[in-house]
């Protein structure tokens, strides 16, 4: 799990994987556990399944190891409900660039999605008629970019979704900053010396380079 600035990290390392025995927890999650809140059993089951896939060198997609290129794995953006139109316009160059990459072979490999306030991972996936298990890019792209602050789209939702998908996030305070970001990414990837975007590791965690 990615460790955010205010997360709690616990002692203990799994000797066979090198990963923490207990994943980093947000202050809200620690407070909930202290008050008797129970673990999300479905999330724990998803974590176990994902570990088994990684141990087998499987990306967890129905088409096998197809995460190297967006045209095989898909790309989607998750907006917040009621996102300002000027933010969408500012990101339009990046969205069109990603659409062109992801839809080379299949028009369903690009999606624009909406996160509803207070929604859990399972409710979010169910609303888009997607269940737990291996990722099918025709149902939901493997690479997902959250656009919004953690106050609106909680880190809990992000890291639960990140068990199955490769999830990144961007958040800026102005449309101008979003526009500058989008333009810089597109310019970097379309220059003469740029490379096609690829995942640089078996799992692309939050803040991944494919945005």
Protein backbone atom coordinates (compact mmCIF):
# COMPACT_ATOMS: atom_id res chain seq x y z
CA UNK A 1 0.00 0.00 0.00
CA UNK A 2 1.23 3.55 -0.67
CA UNK A 3 2.14 5.46 2.47
CA UNK A 4 0.59 8.92 2.63
CA UNK A 5 2.01 11.79 4.66
CA UNK A 6 -0.29 11.31 7.67
CA UNK A 7 -0.70 7.52 7.60
CA UNK A 8 0.37 5.33 10.51
CA UNK A 9 3.06 2.74 9.71
CA UNK A 10 3.41 -0.34 11.94
CA UNK A 11 6.33 -2.60 12.81
CA UNK A 12 6.55 -6.07 11.34
CA UNK A 13 7.64 -7.29 7.90
CA UNK A 14 6.50 -10.41 6.08
CA UNK A 15 9.74 -12.32 5.54
CA UNK A 16 8.59 -13.96 2.30
CA UNK A 17 7.27 -10.83 0.56
CA UNK A 18 9.15 -7.95 2.18
CA UNK A 19 5.89 -6.08 2.65
CA UNK A 20 4.47 -4.84 5.99
CA UNK A 21 2.41 -7.35 7.93
CA UNK A 22 -0.12 -4.59 8.57
CA UNK A 23 -0.68 -2.07 5.74
CA UNK A 24 -0.39 1.68 6.49
CA UNK A 25 -3.60 3.05 7.98
CA UNK A 26 -5.06 6.53 7.84
CA UNK A 27 -5.83 8.37 11.13
CA UNK A 28 -9.54 7.92 10.42
CA UNK A 29 -9.09 4.17 10.00
CA UNK A 30 -7.06 3.86 13.21
CA UNK A 31 -9.71 5.86 15.08
CA UNK A 32 -12.42 3.59 13.70
CA UNK A 33 -10.61 0.44 14.78
CA UNK A 34 -10.03 1.92 18.24
CA UNK A 35 -13.78 2.47 18.50
CA UNK A 36 -14.56 -1.12 17.60
CA UNK A 37 -14.97 -0.80 13.85
CA UNK A 38 -14.40 -4.13 12.08
CA UNK A 39 -12.17 -4.75 9.09
CA UNK A 40 -13.82 -4.80 5.68
CA UNK A 41 -13.77 -8.56 5.05
CA UNK A 42 -14.24 -8.16 1.30
CA UNK A 43 -11.24 -5.82 1.16
CA UNK A 44 -9.12 -8.35 3.04
CA UNK A 45 -10.24 -11.07 0.63
CA UNK A 46 -9.29 -8.85 -2.31
CA UNK A 47 -5.85 -8.27 -0.78
CA UNK A 48 -5.32 -12.02 -0.39
CA UNK A 49 -6.35 -12.68 -4.01
CA UNK A 50 -4.08 -9.92 -5.29
CA UNK A 51 -1.10 -11.30 -3.33
CA UNK A 52 -1.70 -14.71 -4.91
CA UNK A 53 -1.75 -13.14 -8.39
CA UNK A 54 1.48 -11.26 -7.73
CA UNK A 55 3.14 -14.41 -6.41
CA UNK A 56 2.19 -16.08 -9.71
CA UNK A 57 3.53 -13.11 -11.72
CA UNK A 58 -0.02 -12.43 -12.95
CA UNK A 59 -1.19 -8.85 -13.40
CA UNK A 60 -4.71 -9.84 -12.34
CA UNK A 61 -6.35 -9.14 -15.70
CA UNK A 62 -8.48 -11.52 -17.69
CA UNK A 63 -6.17 -11.15 -20.68
CA UNK A 64 -3.01 -11.92 -18.71
CA UNK A 65 0.06 -9.67 -18.66
CA UNK A 66 -1.42 -6.88 -20.78
CA UNK A 67 -0.67 -3.88 -18.55
CA UNK A 68 2.32 -2.64 -20.52
CA UNK A 69 0.29 -0.64 -23.05
CA UNK A 70 -2.87 1.39 -22.64
CA UNK A 71 -4.40 -0.09 -25.81
CA UNK A 72 -4.36 -3.45 -24.00
CA UNK A 73 -5.18 -2.39 -20.43
CA UNK A 74 -7.35 0.71 -20.85
CA UNK A 75 -7.36 4.08 -19.10
CA UNK A 76 -10.06 5.92 -17.19
CA UNK A 77 -10.55 9.11 -15.20
CA UNK A 78 -12.64 9.38 -12.02
CA UNK A 79 -14.16 12.82 -11.46
CA UNK A 80 -16.01 13.94 -8.36
CA UNK A 81 -19.73 14.60 -8.55
CA UNK A 82 -20.33 18.17 -9.69
CA UNK A 83 -16.75 18.74 -10.85
CA UNK A 84 -16.31 22.22 -12.30
CA UNK A 85 -16.55 22.34 -16.08
CA UNK A 86 -13.43 24.50 -16.28
CA UNK A 87 -11.46 21.63 -14.70
CA UNK A 88 -12.71 19.22 -17.39
CA UNK A 89 -11.85 21.73 -20.09
CA UNK A 90 -8.40 22.20 -18.60
CA UNK A 91 -7.76 18.45 -18.68
CA UNK A 92 -9.24 17.96 -22.16
CA UNK A 93 -5.86 17.73 -23.97
CA UNK A 94 -4.71 14.94 -21.63
CA UNK A 95 -8.05 13.13 -21.81
CA UNK A 96 -8.08 13.17 -25.59
CA UNK A 97 -4.47 12.01 -25.66
CA UNK A 98 -5.27 9.08 -23.37
CA UNK A 99 -8.45 8.29 -25.32
CA UNK A 100 -6.43 8.03 -28.54
CA UNK A 101 -3.89 5.71 -26.87
CA UNK A 102 -6.40 3.47 -25.10
CA UNK A 103 -8.90 3.17 -27.96
CA UNK A 104 -6.55 2.10 -30.72
CA UNK A 105 -8.02 -1.40 -30.74
CA UNK A 106 -11.15 -1.11 -28.59
CA UNK A 107 -13.34 1.96 -28.03
CA UNK A 108 -14.43 0.63 -24.60
CA UNK A 109 -10.91 0.92 -23.18
CA UNK A 110 -11.39 4.60 -22.28
CA UNK A 111 -13.91 5.68 -19.62
CA UNK A 112 -14.90 8.84 -17.77
CA UNK A 113 -16.34 7.90 -14.37
CA UNK A 114 -17.88 9.70 -11.40
CA UNK A 115 -17.29 9.12 -7.68
CA UNK A 116 -20.33 9.77 -5.47
CA UNK A 117 -19.88 11.17 -1.93
CA UNK A 118 -19.31 8.49 0.70
CA UNK A 119 -19.13 5.71 -1.84
CA UNK A 120 -17.13 2.56 -1.04
CA UNK A 121 -15.07 0.65 -3.58
CA UNK A 122 -17.70 -2.09 -3.84
CA UNK A 123 -20.57 0.36 -4.32
CA UNK A 124 -18.57 2.28 -6.91
CA UNK A 125 -17.78 -0.89 -8.87
CA UNK A 126 -21.34 -2.23 -8.53
CA UNK A 127 -22.75 1.01 -9.94
CA UNK A 128 -20.65 0.40 -13.04
CA UNK A 129 -21.68 -3.29 -13.04
CA UNK A 130 -18.18 -4.51 -12.12
CA UNK A 131 -17.36 -7.01 -9.39
CA UNK A 132 -14.20 -8.08 -7.55
CA UNK A 133 -11.71 -10.35 -9.27
CA UNK A 134 -9.48 -10.08 -12.36
CA UNK A 135 -9.76 -6.81 -14.27
CA UNK A 136 -11.61 -6.83 -17.59
CA UNK A 137 -10.66 -3.60 -19.42
CA UNK A 138 -13.86 -3.81 -21.46
CA UNK A 139 -15.80 -3.37 -18.22
CA UNK A 140 -13.45 -0.95 -16.46
CA UNK A 141 -9.94 0.16 -17.48
CA UNK A 142 -6.95 -1.07 -15.51
CA UNK A 143 -5.36 2.38 -15.19
CA UNK A 144 -7.51 4.91 -13.31
CA UNK A 145 -6.82 8.53 -12.45
CA UNK A 146 -8.69 10.19 -9.59
CA UNK A 147 -9.19 13.93 -10.01
CA UNK A 148 -9.93 15.52 -6.64
CA UNK A 149 -8.76 16.09 -3.10
CA UNK A 150 -8.65 13.34 -0.43
CA UNK A 151 -11.30 15.28 1.48
CA UNK A 152 -13.73 14.59 -1.38
CA UNK A 153 -12.39 11.22 -2.61
CA UNK A 154 -10.93 9.54 0.51
CA UNK A 155 -7.61 7.72 0.50
CA UNK A 156 -9.53 4.70 1.88
CA UNK A 157 -11.45 4.44 -1.40
CA UNK A 158 -8.26 4.93 -3.39
CA UNK A 159 -6.19 2.22 -1.75
CA UNK A 160 -9.09 -0.26 -1.75
CA UNK A 161 -9.55 0.32 -5.49
CA UNK A 162 -5.79 0.05 -5.92
CA UNK A 163 -5.89 -3.62 -4.91
CA UNK A 164 -7.37 -4.51 -8.31
CA UNK A 165 -6.48 -1.48 -10.41
CA UNK A 166 -3.51 0.83 -10.92
CA UNK A 167 -4.77 4.06 -9.39
CA UNK A 168 -3.22 7.52 -9.46
CA UNK A 169 -4.47 10.89 -8.28
CA UNK A 170 -4.03 14.55 -9.17
CA UNK A 171 -5.38 17.52 -7.30
CA UNK A 172 -4.76 21.22 -7.91
CA UNK A 173 -6.46 24.30 -6.55
CA UNK A 174 -7.12 26.02 -9.88
CA UNK A 175 -8.15 25.14 -13.42
CA UNK A 176 -5.00 26.86 -14.66
CA UNK A 177 -2.84 24.38 -12.71
CA UNK A 178 -4.80 21.47 -14.18
CA UNK A 179 -4.29 22.93 -17.66
CA UNK A 180 -0.55 23.34 -17.10
CA UNK A 181 -0.31 19.75 -15.89
CA UNK A 182 -2.26 18.35 -18.83
CA UNK A 183 -0.28 20.32 -21.39
CA UNK A 184 3.06 19.34 -19.88
CA UNK A 185 2.21 15.62 -19.87
CA UNK A 186 1.00 15.65 -23.46
CA UNK A 187 4.01 17.69 -24.60
CA UNK A 188 6.43 15.33 -22.86
CA UNK A 189 4.86 12.24 -24.42
CA UNK A 190 4.45 13.60 -27.93
CA UNK A 191 7.92 15.10 -28.31
CA UNK A 192 10.39 13.48 -30.68
CA UNK A 193 12.34 11.84 -27.85
CA UNK A 194 9.38 10.63 -25.80
CA UNK A 195 8.55 6.98 -25.25
CA UNK A 196 5.20 5.27 -25.18
CA UNK A 197 3.96 5.30 -21.56
CA UNK A 198 4.50 1.96 -19.84
CA UNK A 199 4.21 0.68 -16.31
CA UNK A 200 7.70 0.61 -14.84
CA UNK A 201 6.94 -2.07 -12.28
CA UNK A 202 4.58 -5.05 -11.88
CA UNK A 203 2.15 -2.83 -10.00
CA UNK A 204 1.64 0.87 -10.62
CA UNK A 205 0.71 2.37 -7.27
CA UNK A 206 -0.81 5.71 -6.42
CA UNK A 207 1.00 8.54 -8.09
CA UNK A 208 2.04 6.28 -10.97
CA UNK A 209 3.57 7.79 -14.08
CA UNK A 210 0.67 6.74 -16.28
CA UNK A 211 -1.77 9.57 -15.59
